[in-house]
Protein backbone atom coordinates (compact mmCIF):
# COMPACT_ATOMS: atom_id res chain seq x y z
CA MET A 1 -32.23 0.22 132.02
CA LEU A 2 -31.70 -2.85 132.82
CA LYS A 3 -31.06 -4.01 129.37
CA GLY A 4 -28.49 -1.28 129.36
CA LEU A 5 -26.74 -3.19 132.14
CA VAL A 6 -26.94 -6.44 130.52
CA THR A 7 -25.50 -5.04 127.52
CA ALA A 8 -22.89 -3.78 129.20
CA ILE A 9 -21.99 -6.82 130.75
CA HIS A 10 -22.20 -8.74 128.14
CA VAL A 11 -19.44 -6.38 125.98
CA LEU A 12 -17.21 -7.40 128.99
CA ILE A 13 -17.79 -10.86 128.74
CA ALA A 14 -16.84 -10.56 124.94
CA LEU A 15 -13.51 -8.60 125.57
CA SER A 16 -12.86 -11.53 128.26
CA LEU A 17 -13.60 -14.04 126.01
CA ILE A 18 -10.64 -12.20 123.32
CA ALA A 19 -8.63 -11.79 126.20
CA THR A 20 -8.27 -15.32 127.00
CA VAL A 21 -8.45 -16.85 123.68
CA LEU A 22 -5.39 -14.97 122.69
CA LEU A 23 -3.35 -15.66 126.05
CA GLN A 24 -3.61 -19.51 125.47
CA SER A 25 -0.95 -20.83 123.64
CA GLY A 26 -1.35 -22.73 120.47
CA LYS A 27 0.98 -24.16 118.32
CA SER A 28 3.62 -21.33 117.92
CA ALA A 29 3.30 -20.80 121.55
CA GLY A 30 2.03 -16.91 120.80
CA LEU A 31 0.88 -14.38 123.35
CA SER A 32 1.07 -16.70 125.61
CA GLY A 33 4.52 -17.83 125.63
CA ALA A 34 5.55 -14.31 126.51
CA ILE A 35 3.47 -13.93 129.16
CA ALA A 36 3.49 -17.67 130.40
CA GLY A 37 7.42 -17.08 130.88
CA GLY A 38 7.37 -14.09 133.02
CA ALA A 39 4.34 -16.17 135.16
CA GLU A 40 6.55 -18.97 135.81
CA THR A 41 9.67 -17.18 136.79
CA LEU A 42 7.66 -15.40 139.46
CA PHE A 43 4.95 -17.68 140.62
CA GLY A 44 6.88 -21.16 140.05
CA GLY A 45 4.25 -22.72 138.08
CA LYS A 46 4.48 -24.52 134.62
CA LYS A 47 3.09 -23.46 131.26
CA LYS A 48 0.73 -26.51 131.11
CA GLY A 49 -0.86 -25.91 134.13
CA LEU A 50 -1.71 -22.21 133.12
CA ASP A 51 -2.96 -23.38 129.80
CA GLU A 52 -5.24 -25.96 131.51
CA LYS A 53 -6.83 -22.76 134.09
CA LEU A 54 -7.01 -20.81 130.93
CA GLY A 55 -8.44 -23.28 129.02
CA ARG A 56 -11.19 -24.00 131.61
CA LEU A 57 -11.98 -20.02 132.36
CA THR A 58 -12.36 -19.80 128.65
CA ALA A 59 -14.83 -22.77 128.94
CA PHE A 60 -16.60 -21.01 131.79
CA ILE A 61 -16.62 -16.89 129.88
CA ALA A 62 -17.74 -18.69 126.54
CA ILE A 63 -21.04 -19.75 128.47
CA ALA A 64 -21.15 -16.68 130.32
CA PHE A 65 -21.57 -15.20 126.50
CA ALA A 66 -23.57 -17.94 125.24
CA ILE A 67 -26.05 -16.88 128.10
CA THR A 68 -26.19 -13.28 127.83
CA SER A 69 -26.66 -12.75 124.36
CA MET A 70 -29.65 -15.71 124.67
CA VAL A 71 -30.99 -13.15 127.24
CA LEU A 72 -30.65 -10.21 124.82
CA VAL A 73 -31.98 -12.28 121.91
CA VAL A 74 -35.11 -13.25 124.14
CA TRP A 75 -34.94 -9.92 125.14
CA LYS A 76 -36.18 -7.79 122.34
């Protein structure tokens, strides 16, 4: 039962990681440009600040993903 819970958390972390990577702006400003543009007018923030926050969030989620991956591999 506990392994199923860890697996469910792992899947949620994987989806979160995909979402945060897609929200980051690349060279062509991709999906982040559409969302950050609305956030800029709503919150008055700068896009660069949003990208920095998304970068830190992505790193945190990637670490959580690696940890849950290792736990699932060891817990065979």
